[in-house]
């Protein structure tokens, strides 16, 4: 099992790069963690419904209509 003293030395640094696109020089990245969840939900719904016709946003009405046309048995039935 490798231990910390078996690894090479890593020098960790930060680099600050000002964004030229706005007067404050800041960059936005707040939504980066949420990029993968909407496609994952749509893929799960299209797999469950057996159709690729579902587009975002997946409203309750869209899912219900596709479930009715795809003849997918719902849990309440």
PDB file of N, CA and C in Angstrom:
ATOM      1  N   UNK A   1       0.842  -1.169   0.000  1.00  0.00           N
ATOM      2  CA  UNK A   1       0.000   0.000   0.000  1.00  0.00           C
ATOM      3  C   UNK A   1       0.895   1.243   0.000  1.00  0.00           C
ATOM      4  N   UNK A   2       0.725   2.113  -1.010  1.00  0.00           N
ATOM      5  CA  UNK A   2       1.523   3.345  -1.022  1.00  0.00           C
ATOM      6  C   UNK A   2       1.168   4.242   0.161  1.00  0.00           C
ATOM      7  N   UNK A   3       2.157   4.883   0.658  1.00  0.00           N
ATOM      8  CA  UNK A   3       1.964   5.826   1.762  1.00  0.00           C
ATOM      9  C   UNK A   3       2.344   7.221   1.279  1.00  0.00           C
ATOM     10  N   UNK A   4       2.027   8.217   2.058  1.00  0.00           N
ATOM     11  CA  UNK A   4       2.306   9.596   1.674  1.00  0.00           C
ATOM     12  C   UNK A   4       3.794   9.824   1.432  1.00  0.00           C
ATOM     13  N   UNK A   5       4.654   9.165   2.204  1.00  0.00           N
ATOM     14  CA  UNK A   5       6.087   9.386   2.006  1.00  0.00           C
ATOM     15  C   UNK A   5       6.626   8.662   0.776  1.00  0.00           C
ATOM     16  N   UNK A   6       5.818   7.824   0.109  1.00  0.00           N
ATOM     17  CA  UNK A   6       6.217   7.175  -1.136  1.00  0.00           C
ATOM     18  C   UNK A   6       5.946   8.051  -2.365  1.00  0.00           C
ATOM     19  N   UNK A   7       5.163   9.073  -2.208  1.00  0.00           N
ATOM     20  CA  UNK A   7       4.793   9.935  -3.331  1.00  0.00           C
ATOM     21  C   UNK A   7       5.827  11.031  -3.544  1.00  0.00           C
ATOM     22  N   UNK A   8       5.925  11.519  -4.785  1.00  0.00           N
ATOM     23  CA  UNK A   8       6.844  12.639  -5.020  1.00  0.00           C
ATOM     24  C   UNK A   8       6.289  13.920  -4.401  1.00  0.00           C
ATOM     25  N   UNK A   9       7.144  14.886  -4.255  1.00  0.00           N
ATOM     26  CA  UNK A   9       6.757  16.170  -3.694  1.00  0.00           C
ATOM     27  C   UNK A   9       5.933  16.932  -4.732  1.00  0.00           C
ATOM     28  N   UNK A  10       4.804  17.458  -4.300  1.00  0.00           N
ATOM     29  CA  UNK A  10       3.964  18.278  -5.170  1.00  0.00           C
ATOM     30  C   UNK A  10       3.990  19.701  -4.659  1.00  0.00           C
ATOM     31  N   UNK A  11       4.288  20.618  -5.540  1.00  0.00           N
ATOM     32  CA  UNK A  11       4.226  22.022  -5.180  1.00  0.00           C
ATOM     33  C   UNK A  11       2.880  22.551  -5.665  1.00  0.00           C
ATOM     34  N   UNK A  12       2.041  22.959  -4.746  1.00  0.00           N
ATOM     35  CA  UNK A  12       0.699  23.431  -5.070  1.00  0.00           C
ATOM     36  C   UNK A  12       0.695  24.954  -5.028  1.00  0.00           C
ATOM     37  N   UNK A  13       0.212  25.544  -6.122  1.00  0.00           N
ATOM     38  CA  UNK A  13       0.166  26.998  -6.221  1.00  0.00           C
ATOM     39  C   UNK A  13      -1.173  27.399  -6.828  1.00  0.00           C
ATOM     40  N   UNK A  14      -1.493  28.644  -6.696  1.00  0.00           N
ATOM     41  CA  UNK A  14      -2.669  29.184  -7.367  1.00  0.00           C
ATOM     42  C   UNK A  14      -2.227  30.249  -8.348  1.00  0.00           C
ATOM     43  N   UNK A  15      -2.994  30.382  -9.403  1.00  0.00           N
ATOM     44  CA  UNK A  15      -2.728  31.410 -10.396  1.00  0.00           C
ATOM     45  C   UNK A  15      -3.988  32.242 -10.547  1.00  0.00           C
ATOM     46  N   UNK A  16      -3.859  33.525 -10.426  1.00  0.00           N
ATOM     47  CA  UNK A  16      -5.007  34.409 -10.564  1.00  0.00           C
ATOM     48  C   UNK A  16      -4.975  35.044 -11.939  1.00  0.00           C
ATOM     49  N   UNK A  17      -6.043  34.803 -12.710  1.00  0.00           N
ATOM     50  CA  UNK A  17      -6.159  35.366 -14.045  1.00  0.00           C
ATOM     51  C   UNK A  17      -7.417  36.212 -14.086  1.00  0.00           C
ATOM     52  N   UNK A  18      -7.260  37.481 -14.329  1.00  0.00           N
ATOM     53  CA  UNK A  18      -8.391  38.396 -14.360  1.00  0.00           C
ATOM     54  C   UNK A  18      -9.158  38.201 -15.666  1.00  0.00           C
ATOM     55  N   UNK A  19     -10.466  38.139 -15.573  1.00  0.00           N
ATOM     56  CA  UNK A  19     -11.320  37.998 -16.756  1.00  0.00           C
ATOM     57  C   UNK A  19     -11.459  39.357 -17.447  1.00  0.00           C
ATOM     58  N   UNK A  20     -11.121  39.437 -18.723  1.00  0.00           N
ATOM     59  CA  UNK A  20     -11.228  40.724 -19.411  1.00  0.00           C
ATOM     60  C   UNK A  20     -12.659  41.047 -19.848  1.00  0.00           C
ATOM     61  N   UNK A  21     -13.590  40.118 -19.661  1.00  0.00           N
ATOM     62  CA  UNK A  21     -14.944  40.299 -20.176  1.00  0.00           C
ATOM     63  C   UNK A  21     -15.876  41.134 -19.326  1.00  0.00           C
ATOM     64  N   UNK A  22     -15.485  41.513 -18.115  1.00  0.00           N
ATOM     65  CA  UNK A  22     -16.354  42.355 -17.300  1.00  0.00           C
ATOM     66  C   UNK A  22     -15.503  43.314 -16.473  1.00  0.00           C
ATOM     67  N   UNK A  23     -16.105  44.405 -16.014  1.00  0.00           N
ATOM     68  CA  UNK A  23     -15.323  45.423 -15.307  1.00  0.00           C
ATOM     69  C   UNK A  23     -14.753  44.967 -13.967  1.00  0.00           C
ATOM     70  N   UNK A  24     -15.353  43.959 -13.336  1.00  0.00           N
ATOM     71  CA  UNK A  24     -14.843  43.494 -12.053  1.00  0.00           C
ATOM     72  C   UNK A  24     -13.712  42.475 -12.205  1.00  0.00           C
ATOM     73  N   UNK A  25     -13.573  41.913 -13.403  1.00  0.00           N
ATOM     74  CA  UNK A  25     -12.518  40.930 -13.628  1.00  0.00           C
ATOM     75  C   UNK A  25     -12.805  39.571 -13.030  1.00  0.00           C
ATOM     76  N   UNK A  26     -14.058  39.296 -12.667  1.00  0.00           N
ATOM     77  CA  UNK A  26     -14.413  38.029 -12.026  1.00  0.00           C
ATOM     78  C   UNK A  26     -14.989  37.043 -13.046  1.00  0.00           C
ATOM     79  N   UNK A  27     -14.948  35.778 -12.689  1.00  0.00           N
ATOM     80  CA  UNK A  27     -15.473  34.713 -13.535  1.00  0.00           C
ATOM     81  C   UNK A  27     -16.524  33.945 -12.765  1.00  0.00           C
ATOM     82  N   UNK A  28     -17.549  33.477 -13.453  1.00  0.00           N
ATOM     83  CA  UNK A  28     -18.598  32.708 -12.799  1.00  0.00           C
ATOM     84  C   UNK A  28     -18.399  31.223 -12.998  1.00  0.00           C
ATOM     85  N   UNK A  29     -18.650  30.461 -11.963  1.00  0.00           N
ATOM     86  CA  UNK A  29     -18.532  29.010 -12.056  1.00  0.00           C
ATOM     87  C   UNK A  29     -19.484  28.337 -11.076  1.00  0.00           C
ATOM     88  N   UNK A  30     -20.465  29.058 -10.612  1.00  0.00           N
ATOM     89  CA  UNK A  30     -21.355  28.539  -9.596  1.00  0.00           C
ATOM     90  C   UNK A  30     -22.240  27.392 -10.035  1.00  0.00           C
ATOM     91  N   UNK A  31     -22.533  27.293 -11.346  1.00  0.00           N
ATOM     92  CA  UNK A  31     -23.417  26.251 -11.842  1.00  0.00           C
ATOM     93  C   UNK A  31     -22.672  25.004 -12.303  1.00  0.00           C
ATOM     94  N   UNK A  32     -21.389  24.968 -12.201  1.00  0.00           N
ATOM     95  CA  UNK A  32     -20.602  23.858 -12.754  1.00  0.00           C
ATOM     96  C   UNK A  32     -20.982  22.508 -12.152  1.00  0.00           C
ATOM     97  N   UNK A  33     -21.350  22.477 -10.898  1.00  0.00           N
ATOM     98  CA  UNK A  33     -21.706  21.215 -10.264  1.00  0.00           C
ATOM     99  C   UNK A  33     -23.061  20.684 -10.672  1.00  0.00           C
ATOM    100  N   UNK A  34     -23.892  21.507 -11.302  1.00  0.00           N
ATOM    101  CA  UNK A  34     -25.245  21.096 -11.677  1.00  0.00           C
ATOM    102  C   UNK A  34     -25.372  20.764 -13.163  1.00  0.00           C
ATOM    103  N   UNK A  35     -24.276  20.713 -13.891  1.00  0.00           N
ATOM    104  CA  UNK A  35     -24.344  20.495 -15.335  1.00  0.00           C
ATOM    105  C   UNK A  35     -24.799  19.081 -15.675  1.00  0.00           C
ATOM    106  N   UNK A  36     -24.385  18.096 -14.918  1.00  0.00           N
ATOM    107  CA  UNK A  36     -24.694  16.707 -15.262  1.00  0.00           C
ATOM    108  C   UNK A  36     -26.044  16.198 -14.815  1.00  0.00           C
ATOM    109  N   UNK A  37     -26.681  16.839 -13.845  1.00  0.00           N
ATOM    110  CA  UNK A  37     -27.930  16.273 -13.316  1.00  0.00           C
ATOM    111  C   UNK A  37     -29.123  16.371 -14.261  1.00  0.00           C
ATOM    112  N   UNK A  38     -29.375  17.475 -14.977  1.00  0.00           N
ATOM    113  CA  UNK A  38     -30.537  17.478 -15.872  1.00  0.00           C
ATOM    114  C   UNK A  38     -30.476  16.407 -16.964  1.00  0.00           C
ATOM    115  N   UNK A  39     -29.335  16.209 -17.655  1.00  0.00           N
ATOM    116  CA  UNK A  39     -29.301  15.132 -18.644  1.00  0.00           C
ATOM    117  C   UNK A  39     -29.491  13.749 -18.014  1.00  0.00           C
ATOM    118  N   UNK A  40     -28.983  13.551 -16.804  1.00  0.00           N
ATOM    119  CA  UNK A  40     -29.157  12.256 -16.146  1.00  0.00           C
ATOM    120  C   UNK A  40     -30.627  11.991 -15.850  1.00  0.00           C
ATOM    121  N   UNK A  41     -31.356  13.007 -15.426  1.00  0.00           N
ATOM    122  CA  UNK A  41     -32.785  12.850 -15.148  1.00  0.00           C
ATOM    123  C   UNK A  41     -33.551  12.597 -16.439  1.00  0.00           C
ATOM    124  N   UNK A  42     -33.244  13.338 -17.499  1.00  0.00           N
ATOM    125  CA  UNK A  42     -33.921  13.132 -18.783  1.00  0.00           C
ATOM    126  C   UNK A  42     -33.629  11.733 -19.311  1.00  0.00           C
ATOM    127  N   UNK A  43     -32.382  11.271 -19.195  1.00  0.00           N
ATOM    128  CA  UNK A  43     -32.053   9.915 -19.640  1.00  0.00           C
ATOM    129  C   UNK A  43     -32.822   8.870 -18.850  1.00  0.00           C
ATOM    130  N   UNK A  44     -32.958   9.068 -17.552  1.00  0.00           N
ATOM    131  CA  UNK A  44     -33.718   8.120 -16.733  1.00  0.00           C
ATOM    132  C   UNK A  44     -35.180   8.099 -17.156  1.00  0.00           C
ATOM    133  N   UNK A  45     -35.740   9.268 -17.425  1.00  0.00           N
ATOM    134  CA  UNK A  45     -37.139   9.329 -17.853  1.00  0.00           C
ATOM    135  C   UNK A  45     -37.341   8.700 -19.231  1.00  0.00           C
ATOM    136  N   UNK A  46     -36.439   8.978 -20.168  1.00  0.00           N
ATOM    137  CA  UNK A  46     -36.597   8.390 -21.503  1.00  0.00           C
ATOM    138  C   UNK A  46     -36.401   6.877 -21.466  1.00  0.00           C
ATOM    139  N   UNK A  47     -35.519   6.403 -20.611  1.00  0.00           N
ATOM    140  CA  UNK A  47     -35.362   4.950 -20.445  1.00  0.00           C
ATOM    141  C   UNK A  47     -36.633   4.335 -19.873  1.00  0.00           C
ATOM    142  N   UNK A  48     -37.201   4.984 -18.861  1.00  0.00           N
ATOM    143  CA  UNK A  48     -38.406   4.457 -18.218  1.00  0.00           C
ATOM    144  C   UNK A  48     -39.605   4.497 -19.158  1.00  0.00           C
ATOM    145  N   UNK A  49     -39.682   5.540 -19.988  1.00  0.00           N
ATOM    146  CA  UNK A  49     -40.819   5.687 -20.892  1.00  0.00           C
ATOM    147  C   UNK A  49     -40.626   4.945 -22.201  1.00  0.00           C
ATOM    148  N   UNK A  50     -39.411   4.557 -22.499  1.00  0.00           N
ATOM    149  CA  UNK A  50     -39.127   3.845 -23.743  1.00  0.00           C
ATOM    150  C   UNK A  50     -39.224   4.709 -24.974  1.00  0.00           C
ATOM    151  N   UNK A  51     -38.955   6.006 -24.832  1.00  0.00           N
ATOM    152  CA  UNK A  51     -39.026   6.924 -25.962  1.00  0.00           C
ATOM    153  C   UNK A  51     -37.942   7.981 -25.830  1.00  0.00           C
ATOM    154  N   UNK A  52     -37.521   8.529 -26.947  1.00  0.00           N
ATOM    155  CA  UNK A  52     -36.520   9.598 -26.954  1.00  0.00           C
ATOM    156  C   UNK A  52     -37.178  10.949 -27.222  1.00  0.00           C
ATOM    157  N   UNK A  53     -38.495  11.035 -27.136  1.00  0.00           N
ATOM    158  CA  UNK A  53     -39.231  12.243 -27.508  1.00  0.00           C
ATOM    159  C   UNK A  53     -39.320  13.289 -26.400  1.00  0.00           C
ATOM    160  N   UNK A  54     -38.817  13.012 -25.241  1.00  0.00           N
ATOM    161  CA  UNK A  54     -38.914  13.945 -24.123  1.00  0.00           C
ATOM    162  C   UNK A  54     -37.840  15.015 -24.229  1.00  0.00           C
ATOM    163  N   UNK A  55     -38.250  16.255 -24.168  1.00  0.00           N
ATOM    164  CA  UNK A  55     -37.308  17.378 -24.216  1.00  0.00           C
ATOM    165  C   UNK A  55     -37.370  18.134 -22.897  1.00  0.00           C
ATOM    166  N   UNK A  56     -36.300  18.884 -22.618  1.00  0.00           N
ATOM    167  CA  UNK A  56     -36.276  19.687 -21.397  1.00  0.00           C
ATOM    168  C   UNK A  56     -37.042  20.977 -21.650  1.00  0.00           C
ATOM    169  N   UNK A  57     -37.704  21.498 -20.658  1.00  0.00           N
ATOM    170  CA  UNK A  57     -37.877  20.973 -19.311  1.00  0.00           C
ATOM    171  C   UNK A  57     -38.904  19.843 -19.302  1.00  0.00           C
ATOM    172  N   UNK A  58     -38.652  18.869 -18.475  1.00  0.00           N
ATOM    173  CA  UNK A  58     -39.538  17.715 -18.358  1.00  0.00           C
ATOM    174  C   UNK A  58     -40.638  18.048 -17.356  1.00  0.00           C
ATOM    175  N   UNK A  59     -41.661  18.700 -17.838  1.00  0.00           N
ATOM    176  CA  UNK A  59     -42.762  19.052 -16.955  1.00  0.00           C
ATOM    177  C   UNK A  59     -43.590  17.813 -16.645  1.00  0.00           C
ATOM    178  N   UNK A  60     -44.379  17.894 -15.594  1.00  0.00           N
ATOM    179  CA  UNK A  60     -45.243  16.768 -15.219  1.00  0.00           C
ATOM    180  C   UNK A  60     -46.211  16.440 -16.349  1.00  0.00           C
ATOM    181  N   UNK A  61     -46.713  17.463 -17.032  1.00  0.00           N
ATOM    182  CA  UNK A  61     -47.650  17.231 -18.128  1.00  0.00           C
ATOM    183  C   UNK A  61     -46.979  16.486 -19.286  1.00  0.00           C
ATOM    184  N   UNK A  62     -45.760  16.886 -19.662  1.00  0.00           N
ATOM    185  CA  UNK A  62     -45.041  16.194 -20.742  1.00  0.00           C
ATOM    186  C   UNK A  62     -44.807  14.725 -20.400  1.00  0.00           C
ATOM    187  N   UNK A  63     -44.354  14.477 -19.171  1.00  0.00           N
ATOM    188  CA  UNK A  63     -44.073  13.102 -18.765  1.00  0.00           C
ATOM    189  C   UNK A  63     -45.362  12.293 -18.754  1.00  0.00           C
ATOM    190  N   UNK A  64     -46.444  12.861 -18.239  1.00  0.00           N
ATOM    191  CA  UNK A  64     -47.727  12.166 -18.188  1.00  0.00           C
ATOM    192  C   UNK A  64     -48.221  11.824 -19.596  1.00  0.00           C
ATOM    193  N   UNK A  65     -48.172  12.798 -20.512  1.00  0.00           N
ATOM    194  CA  UNK A  65     -48.633  12.550 -21.884  1.00  0.00           C
ATOM    195  C   UNK A  65     -47.800  11.469 -22.568  1.00  0.00           C
ATOM    196  N   UNK A  66     -46.492  11.526 -22.399  1.00  0.00           N
ATOM    197  CA  UNK A  66     -45.647  10.487 -22.998  1.00  0.00           C
ATOM    198  C   UNK A  66     -45.902   9.126 -22.368  1.00  0.00           C
ATOM    199  N   UNK A  67     -46.150   9.102 -21.082  1.00  0.00           N
ATOM    200  CA  UNK A  67     -46.453   7.832 -20.410  1.00  0.00           C
ATOM    201  C   UNK A  67     -47.755   7.248 -20.940  1.00  0.00           C
ATOM    202  N   UNK A  68     -48.719   8.118 -21.251  1.00  0.00           N
ATOM    203  CA  UNK A  68     -49.996   7.639 -21.780  1.00  0.00           C
ATOM    204  C   UNK A  68     -49.847   7.118 -23.197  1.00  0.00           C
ATOM    205  N   UNK A  69     -49.070   7.789 -24.016  1.00  0.00           N
ATOM    206  CA  UNK A  69     -48.892   7.330 -25.397  1.00  0.00           C
ATOM    207  C   UNK A  69     -47.968   6.117 -25.477  1.00  0.00           C
ATOM    208  N   UNK A  70     -47.029   6.030 -24.549  1.00  0.00           N
ATOM    209  CA  UNK A  70     -46.107   4.891 -24.551  1.00  0.00           C
ATOM    210  C   UNK A  70     -46.727   3.665 -23.871  1.00  0.00           C
ATOM    211  N   UNK A  71     -47.875   3.857 -23.233  1.00  0.00           N
ATOM    212  CA  UNK A  71     -48.585   2.793 -22.524  1.00  0.00           C
ATOM    213  C   UNK A  71     -47.710   2.168 -21.441  1.00  0.00           C
ATOM    214  N   UNK A  72     -47.035   3.031 -20.707  1.00  0.00           N
ATOM    215  CA  UNK A  72     -46.227   2.577 -19.585  1.00  0.00           C
ATOM    216  C   UNK A  72     -47.128   2.457 -18.377  1.00  0.00           C
ATOM    217  N   UNK A  73     -47.201   1.287 -17.730  1.00  0.00           N
ATOM    218  CA  UNK A  73     -48.060   1.191 -16.552  1.00  0.00           C
ATOM    219  C   UNK A  73     -47.527   2.056 -15.423  1.00  0.00           C
ATOM    220  N   UNK A  74     -48.401   2.882 -14.872  1.00  0.00           N
ATOM    221  CA  UNK A  74     -48.022   3.752 -13.773  1.00  0.00           C
ATOM    222  C   UNK A  74     -48.210   3.011 -12.467  1.00  0.00           C
ATOM    223  N   UNK A  75     -47.563   3.465 -11.420  1.00  0.00           N
ATOM    224  CA  UNK A  75     -47.596   2.784 -10.118  1.00  0.00           C
ATOM    225  C   UNK A  75     -49.005   2.760  -9.529  1.00  0.00           C
ATOM    226  N   UNK A  76     -49.825   3.778  -9.836  1.00  0.00           N
ATOM    227  CA  UNK A  76     -51.174   3.852  -9.256  1.00  0.00           C
ATOM    228  C   UNK A  76     -52.139   2.893  -9.929  1.00  0.00           C
ATOM    229  N   UNK A  77     -51.789   2.349 -11.080  1.00  0.00           N
ATOM    230  CA  UNK A  77     -52.714   1.481 -11.817  1.00  0.00           C
ATOM    231  C   UNK A  77     -52.699   0.064 -11.280  1.00  0.00           C
TER     232      UNK A  77
END
